[in-house]
Amino acid sequence: MSLLGNIIWLIFGGLIAGLGYILGGIGLCLTIIGIPFGLQSIKLGIAVFAPFGKEVVELGDAGSVLSIIFNLIWLVLFGWPIALAHLTSAALLAITIIGIPFALQHLKLIPLSLFPFGRDLKAL
């Protein structure tokens, strides 16, 4: 079932969203300071390609000082508009019964888009 959900997800916007994350990440990687943020954006882009059948997990370095600092910088500069876009998409998709599973996937991506350092999307 998750394969079908991921295929429909890609057709109706997931491909464009994932490519947006990846292109933004490549743009951030053009500067030395932006490399850690660009790598997280690329990681988010890959996660957005197939969110069905996966869950957000915390990695071992989630509580490190560097992860916390980078997450705060990410939150202020990039995270809140991305999370707002996922929340808006979820609200629009939740209007119809068919869109509810896709709205839930957008809601699942919000914590990852707010605090990507120390978190990842892993298969169940």
N, C-alpha and C. Protein backbone atom coordinates (compact mmCIF):
# COMPACT_ATOMS: atom_id res chain seq x y z
N MET A 1 0.82 -1.19 0.00
CA MET A 1 0.00 0.00 0.00
C MET A 1 0.86 1.26 0.00
N SER A 2 2.02 1.18 0.71
CA SER A 2 2.87 2.37 0.74
C SER A 2 3.48 2.65 -0.63
N LEU A 3 3.72 1.62 -1.43
CA LEU A 3 4.23 1.84 -2.78
C LEU A 3 3.24 2.64 -3.61
N LEU A 4 1.97 2.26 -3.55
CA LEU A 4 0.94 2.99 -4.29
C LEU A 4 0.82 4.43 -3.79
N GLY A 5 0.86 4.59 -2.47
CA GLY A 5 0.80 5.94 -1.90
C GLY A 5 1.97 6.79 -2.34
N ASN A 6 3.17 6.21 -2.37
CA ASN A 6 4.35 6.97 -2.80
C ASN A 6 4.28 7.33 -4.28
N ILE A 7 3.73 6.44 -5.10
CA ILE A 7 3.60 6.75 -6.54
C ILE A 7 2.62 7.90 -6.74
N ILE A 8 1.48 7.84 -6.07
CA ILE A 8 0.50 8.93 -6.18
C ILE A 8 1.08 10.22 -5.63
N TRP A 9 1.82 10.10 -4.52
CA TRP A 9 2.47 11.27 -3.90
C TRP A 9 3.42 11.95 -4.90
N LEU A 10 4.24 11.15 -5.59
CA LEU A 10 5.18 11.71 -6.56
C LEU A 10 4.47 12.40 -7.72
N ILE A 11 3.40 11.78 -8.19
CA ILE A 11 2.68 12.35 -9.33
C ILE A 11 2.05 13.69 -8.97
N PHE A 12 1.48 13.79 -7.78
CA PHE A 12 0.72 14.98 -7.41
C PHE A 12 1.48 15.93 -6.49
N GLY A 13 2.77 16.11 -6.73
CA GLY A 13 3.49 17.17 -6.04
C GLY A 13 4.74 16.76 -5.29
N GLY A 14 4.88 15.50 -4.94
CA GLY A 14 6.04 15.07 -4.18
C GLY A 14 7.34 15.20 -4.96
N LEU A 15 7.28 14.95 -6.25
CA LEU A 15 8.47 15.08 -7.09
C LEU A 15 8.95 16.53 -7.13
N ILE A 16 8.03 17.44 -7.30
CA ILE A 16 8.38 18.87 -7.37
C ILE A 16 8.91 19.34 -6.02
N ALA A 17 8.27 18.92 -4.93
CA ALA A 17 8.72 19.32 -3.60
C ALA A 17 10.11 18.77 -3.30
N GLY A 18 10.34 17.51 -3.62
CA GLY A 18 11.65 16.91 -3.40
C GLY A 18 12.74 17.57 -4.21
N LEU A 19 12.44 17.87 -5.48
CA LEU A 19 13.41 18.57 -6.32
C LEU A 19 13.69 19.97 -5.79
N GLY A 20 12.67 20.62 -5.25
CA GLY A 20 12.86 21.94 -4.66
C GLY A 20 13.82 21.90 -3.48
N TYR A 21 13.63 20.91 -2.61
CA TYR A 21 14.55 20.73 -1.49
C TYR A 21 15.98 20.48 -1.98
N ILE A 22 16.11 19.60 -2.97
CA ILE A 22 17.45 19.24 -3.45
C ILE A 22 18.12 20.42 -4.15
N LEU A 23 17.39 21.14 -4.98
CA LEU A 23 17.99 22.31 -5.64
C LEU A 23 18.36 23.39 -4.64
N GLY A 24 17.52 23.59 -3.63
CA GLY A 24 17.86 24.53 -2.56
C GLY A 24 19.10 24.09 -1.81
N GLY A 25 19.21 22.79 -1.57
CA GLY A 25 20.39 22.25 -0.89
C GLY A 25 21.66 22.43 -1.71
N ILE A 26 21.55 22.23 -3.01
CA ILE A 26 22.71 22.44 -3.87
C ILE A 26 23.12 23.91 -3.85
N GLY A 27 22.13 24.80 -3.85
CA GLY A 27 22.43 26.23 -3.75
C GLY A 27 23.12 26.58 -2.44
N LEU A 28 22.67 25.98 -1.35
CA LEU A 28 23.31 26.24 -0.05
C LEU A 28 24.73 25.68 0.00
N CYS A 29 24.96 24.58 -0.69
CA CYS A 29 26.29 23.96 -0.69
C CYS A 29 27.31 24.76 -1.48
N LEU A 30 26.88 25.78 -2.22
CA LEU A 30 27.83 26.60 -2.96
C LEU A 30 28.69 27.46 -2.05
N THR A 31 28.23 27.68 -0.82
CA THR A 31 29.03 28.42 0.15
C THR A 31 29.54 27.44 1.20
N ILE A 32 30.68 27.73 1.76
CA ILE A 32 31.25 26.84 2.78
C ILE A 32 30.38 26.84 4.02
N ILE A 33 29.87 27.97 4.43
CA ILE A 33 29.03 28.06 5.63
C ILE A 33 27.71 27.31 5.42
N GLY A 34 27.21 27.28 4.22
CA GLY A 34 25.92 26.66 3.95
C GLY A 34 25.95 25.16 3.73
N ILE A 35 27.14 24.55 3.70
CA ILE A 35 27.23 23.12 3.40
C ILE A 35 26.43 22.25 4.37
N PRO A 36 26.54 22.44 5.71
CA PRO A 36 25.74 21.57 6.59
C PRO A 36 24.24 21.72 6.35
N PHE A 37 23.81 22.94 6.07
CA PHE A 37 22.39 23.19 5.83
C PHE A 37 21.96 22.64 4.48
N GLY A 38 22.84 22.73 3.49
CA GLY A 38 22.56 22.17 2.18
C GLY A 38 22.42 20.65 2.23
N LEU A 39 23.28 20.01 3.00
CA LEU A 39 23.20 18.55 3.13
C LEU A 39 21.89 18.14 3.81
N GLN A 40 21.45 18.90 4.80
CA GLN A 40 20.16 18.59 5.45
C GLN A 40 19.00 18.81 4.49
N SER A 41 19.10 19.85 3.67
CA SER A 41 18.04 20.11 2.69
C SER A 41 17.97 18.98 1.66
N ILE A 42 19.13 18.49 1.23
CA ILE A 42 19.14 17.37 0.29
C ILE A 42 18.56 16.13 0.96
N LYS A 43 18.90 15.90 2.23
CA LYS A 43 18.34 14.76 2.98
C LYS A 43 16.82 14.87 3.05
N LEU A 44 16.31 16.08 3.29
CA LEU A 44 14.86 16.30 3.32
C LEU A 44 14.25 16.03 1.94
N GLY A 45 14.93 16.44 0.89
CA GLY A 45 14.43 16.22 -0.46
C GLY A 45 14.29 14.74 -0.78
N ILE A 46 15.28 13.96 -0.37
CA ILE A 46 15.21 12.53 -0.60
C ILE A 46 14.08 11.91 0.23
N ALA A 47 13.90 12.40 1.45
CA ALA A 47 12.83 11.88 2.31
C ALA A 47 11.45 12.23 1.76
N VAL A 48 11.32 13.38 1.13
CA VAL A 48 10.03 13.82 0.60
C VAL A 48 9.63 13.01 -0.63
N PHE A 49 10.58 12.39 -1.32
CA PHE A 49 10.23 11.59 -2.49
C PHE A 49 9.35 10.40 -2.14
N ALA A 50 9.51 9.81 -0.97
CA ALA A 50 8.74 8.61 -0.61
C ALA A 50 8.46 8.58 0.89
N PRO A 51 7.50 9.37 1.39
CA PRO A 51 7.25 9.42 2.83
C PRO A 51 6.38 8.29 3.37
N PHE A 52 5.61 7.62 2.51
CA PHE A 52 4.73 6.55 2.99
C PHE A 52 5.56 5.36 3.46
N GLY A 53 5.19 4.78 4.59
CA GLY A 53 5.90 3.63 5.12
C GLY A 53 7.15 3.99 5.89
N LYS A 54 7.31 5.25 6.23
CA LYS A 54 8.49 5.71 6.98
C LYS A 54 8.04 6.52 8.18
N GLU A 55 8.94 6.66 9.16
CA GLU A 55 8.65 7.47 10.33
C GLU A 55 9.89 8.29 10.68
N VAL A 56 9.68 9.41 11.37
CA VAL A 56 10.76 10.27 11.81
C VAL A 56 11.41 9.64 13.04
N VAL A 57 12.72 9.46 12.98
CA VAL A 57 13.46 8.90 14.11
C VAL A 57 14.59 9.87 14.50
N GLU A 58 14.93 9.86 15.79
CA GLU A 58 16.05 10.66 16.26
C GLU A 58 17.33 9.83 16.17
N LEU A 59 18.37 10.47 15.68
CA LEU A 59 19.66 9.81 15.57
C LEU A 59 20.44 9.99 16.87
N GLY A 60 21.57 9.37 16.99
CA GLY A 60 22.35 9.42 18.22
C GLY A 60 22.87 10.81 18.56
N ASP A 61 23.08 11.65 17.56
CA ASP A 61 23.64 12.98 17.82
C ASP A 61 22.56 14.07 17.93
N ALA A 62 21.33 13.68 18.21
CA ALA A 62 20.22 14.64 18.23
C ALA A 62 20.37 15.67 19.35
N GLY A 63 20.96 15.29 20.47
CA GLY A 63 21.07 16.21 21.59
C GLY A 63 22.40 16.92 21.72
N SER A 64 23.27 16.77 20.74
CA SER A 64 24.58 17.42 20.83
C SER A 64 24.43 18.93 20.69
N VAL A 65 25.40 19.63 21.25
CA VAL A 65 25.37 21.09 21.23
C VAL A 65 25.36 21.62 19.80
N LEU A 66 26.18 21.02 18.95
CA LEU A 66 26.25 21.47 17.55
C LEU A 66 24.92 21.26 16.83
N SER A 67 24.27 20.13 17.07
CA SER A 67 22.96 19.87 16.46
C SER A 67 21.93 20.89 16.93
N ILE A 68 21.95 21.20 18.20
CA ILE A 68 20.99 22.17 18.74
C ILE A 68 21.22 23.55 18.13
N ILE A 69 22.48 23.97 18.04
CA ILE A 69 22.79 25.28 17.45
C ILE A 69 22.38 25.32 15.99
N PHE A 70 22.73 24.27 15.23
CA PHE A 70 22.36 24.22 13.81
C PHE A 70 20.85 24.16 13.63
N ASN A 71 20.15 23.43 14.51
CA ASN A 71 18.69 23.38 14.42
C ASN A 71 18.08 24.75 14.68
N LEU A 72 18.62 25.50 15.63
CA LEU A 72 18.09 26.85 15.89
C LEU A 72 18.32 27.77 14.71
N ILE A 73 19.51 27.70 14.11
CA ILE A 73 19.78 28.52 12.92
C ILE A 73 18.86 28.11 11.78
N TRP A 74 18.70 26.79 11.59
CA TRP A 74 17.81 26.28 10.54
C TRP A 74 16.38 26.75 10.77
N LEU A 75 15.92 26.66 12.02
CA LEU A 75 14.54 27.04 12.35
C LEU A 75 14.28 28.50 11.99
N VAL A 76 15.22 29.38 12.35
CA VAL A 76 15.03 30.82 12.10
C VAL A 76 15.11 31.15 10.62
N LEU A 77 16.07 30.56 9.91
CA LEU A 77 16.29 30.94 8.52
C LEU A 77 15.44 30.17 7.51
N PHE A 78 15.29 28.85 7.72
CA PHE A 78 14.66 28.03 6.69
C PHE A 78 13.45 27.23 7.18
N GLY A 79 13.48 26.78 8.42
CA GLY A 79 12.52 25.80 8.91
C GLY A 79 11.09 26.26 8.97
N TRP A 80 10.87 27.47 9.50
CA TRP A 80 9.47 27.87 9.69
C TRP A 80 8.72 28.07 8.38
N PRO A 81 9.31 28.61 7.29
CA PRO A 81 8.51 28.70 6.06
C PRO A 81 8.24 27.32 5.43
N ILE A 82 9.20 26.40 5.58
CA ILE A 82 8.99 25.06 5.04
C ILE A 82 7.88 24.36 5.81
N ALA A 83 7.94 24.47 7.15
CA ALA A 83 6.91 23.84 7.99
C ALA A 83 5.54 24.46 7.71
N LEU A 84 5.50 25.76 7.49
CA LEU A 84 4.24 26.44 7.17
C LEU A 84 3.69 25.95 5.83
N ALA A 85 4.57 25.70 4.87
CA ALA A 85 4.13 25.16 3.57
C ALA A 85 3.56 23.76 3.73
N HIS A 86 4.21 22.92 4.56
CA HIS A 86 3.68 21.58 4.81
C HIS A 86 2.34 21.65 5.55
N LEU A 87 2.22 22.56 6.50
CA LEU A 87 0.97 22.70 7.24
C LEU A 87 -0.16 23.18 6.34
N THR A 88 0.13 24.13 5.46
CA THR A 88 -0.88 24.63 4.52
C THR A 88 -1.31 23.52 3.55
N SER A 89 -0.33 22.78 3.05
CA SER A 89 -0.65 21.66 2.15
C SER A 89 -1.50 20.61 2.86
N ALA A 90 -1.16 20.33 4.12
CA ALA A 90 -1.93 19.35 4.89
C ALA A 90 -3.36 19.82 5.10
N ALA A 91 -3.54 21.10 5.39
CA ALA A 91 -4.88 21.63 5.61
C ALA A 91 -5.71 21.55 4.32
N LEU A 92 -5.10 21.87 3.20
CA LEU A 92 -5.83 21.80 1.92
C LEU A 92 -6.17 20.36 1.55
N LEU A 93 -5.24 19.44 1.80
CA LEU A 93 -5.50 18.04 1.45
C LEU A 93 -6.51 17.39 2.38
N ALA A 94 -6.59 17.85 3.62
CA ALA A 94 -7.49 17.23 4.59
C ALA A 94 -8.95 17.58 4.34
N ILE A 95 -9.22 18.46 3.39
CA ILE A 95 -10.60 18.83 3.07
C ILE A 95 -11.35 17.63 2.49
N THR A 96 -10.67 16.81 1.72
CA THR A 96 -11.33 15.65 1.10
C THR A 96 -10.89 14.37 1.81
N ILE A 97 -11.72 13.36 1.75
CA ILE A 97 -11.40 12.08 2.38
C ILE A 97 -10.20 11.43 1.68
N ILE A 98 -10.13 11.54 0.38
CA ILE A 98 -9.03 10.95 -0.37
C ILE A 98 -7.70 11.62 -0.01
N GLY A 99 -7.74 12.90 0.32
CA GLY A 99 -6.51 13.63 0.63
C GLY A 99 -5.99 13.44 2.04
N ILE A 100 -6.76 12.82 2.93
CA ILE A 100 -6.34 12.69 4.34
C ILE A 100 -5.03 11.93 4.49
N PRO A 101 -4.80 10.79 3.81
CA PRO A 101 -3.49 10.12 3.97
C PRO A 101 -2.32 10.99 3.53
N PHE A 102 -2.53 11.81 2.52
CA PHE A 102 -1.47 12.69 2.04
C PHE A 102 -1.27 13.85 3.00
N ALA A 103 -2.35 14.32 3.62
CA ALA A 103 -2.24 15.37 4.64
C ALA A 103 -1.43 14.84 5.83
N LEU A 104 -1.65 13.60 6.20
CA LEU A 104 -0.90 13.01 7.31
C LEU A 104 0.60 12.92 6.99
N GLN A 105 0.93 12.69 5.74
CA GLN A 105 2.34 12.65 5.35
C GLN A 105 2.98 14.03 5.48
N HIS A 106 2.23 15.07 5.09
CA HIS A 106 2.74 16.44 5.26
C HIS A 106 2.92 16.75 6.74
N LEU A 107 1.99 16.33 7.58
CA LEU A 107 2.12 16.56 9.02
C LEU A 107 3.32 15.80 9.59
N LYS A 108 3.62 14.62 9.04
CA LYS A 108 4.77 13.85 9.49
C LYS A 108 6.08 14.56 9.14
N LEU A 109 6.09 15.30 8.04
CA LEU A 109 7.30 15.98 7.59
C LEU A 109 7.57 17.29 8.33
N ILE A 110 6.59 17.81 9.07
CA ILE A 110 6.78 19.09 9.77
C ILE A 110 7.91 19.03 10.80
N PRO A 111 7.95 18.06 11.72
CA PRO A 111 9.07 18.05 12.68
C PRO A 111 10.43 17.91 12.01
N LEU A 112 10.48 17.15 10.93
CA LEU A 112 11.73 16.99 10.20
C LEU A 112 12.13 18.28 9.50
N SER A 113 11.16 19.04 9.02
CA SER A 113 11.49 20.30 8.35
C SER A 113 11.84 21.40 9.35
N LEU A 114 11.37 21.30 10.59
CA LEU A 114 11.72 22.29 11.60
C LEU A 114 13.09 22.03 12.21
N PHE A 115 13.38 20.77 12.53
CA PHE A 115 14.63 20.40 13.20
C PHE A 115 15.27 19.21 12.50
N PRO A 116 15.95 19.42 11.36
CA PRO A 116 16.48 18.29 10.59
C PRO A 116 17.76 17.68 11.16
N PHE A 117 18.53 18.45 11.92
CA PHE A 117 19.79 17.93 12.44
C PHE A 117 19.49 16.95 13.57
N GLY A 118 19.99 15.73 13.44
CA GLY A 118 19.77 14.72 14.44
C GLY A 118 18.50 13.92 14.24
N ARG A 119 17.81 14.13 13.12
CA ARG A 119 16.60 13.38 12.80
C ARG A 119 16.69 12.87 11.37
N ASP A 120 15.95 11.79 11.10
CA ASP A 120 15.93 11.23 9.76
C ASP A 120 14.60 10.51 9.56
N LEU A 121 14.25 10.23 8.31
CA LEU A 121 13.05 9.50 7.98
C LEU A 121 13.48 8.08 7.61
N LYS A 122 13.10 7.10 8.43
CA LYS A 122 13.52 5.71 8.24
C LYS A 122 12.31 4.83 7.98
N ALA A 123 12.53 3.73 7.27
CA ALA A 123 11.47 2.77 6.98
C ALA A 123 11.01 2.10 8.26
N LEU A 124 9.72 1.78 8.32
CA LEU A 124 9.16 1.12 9.50
C LEU A 124 9.68 -0.28 9.67
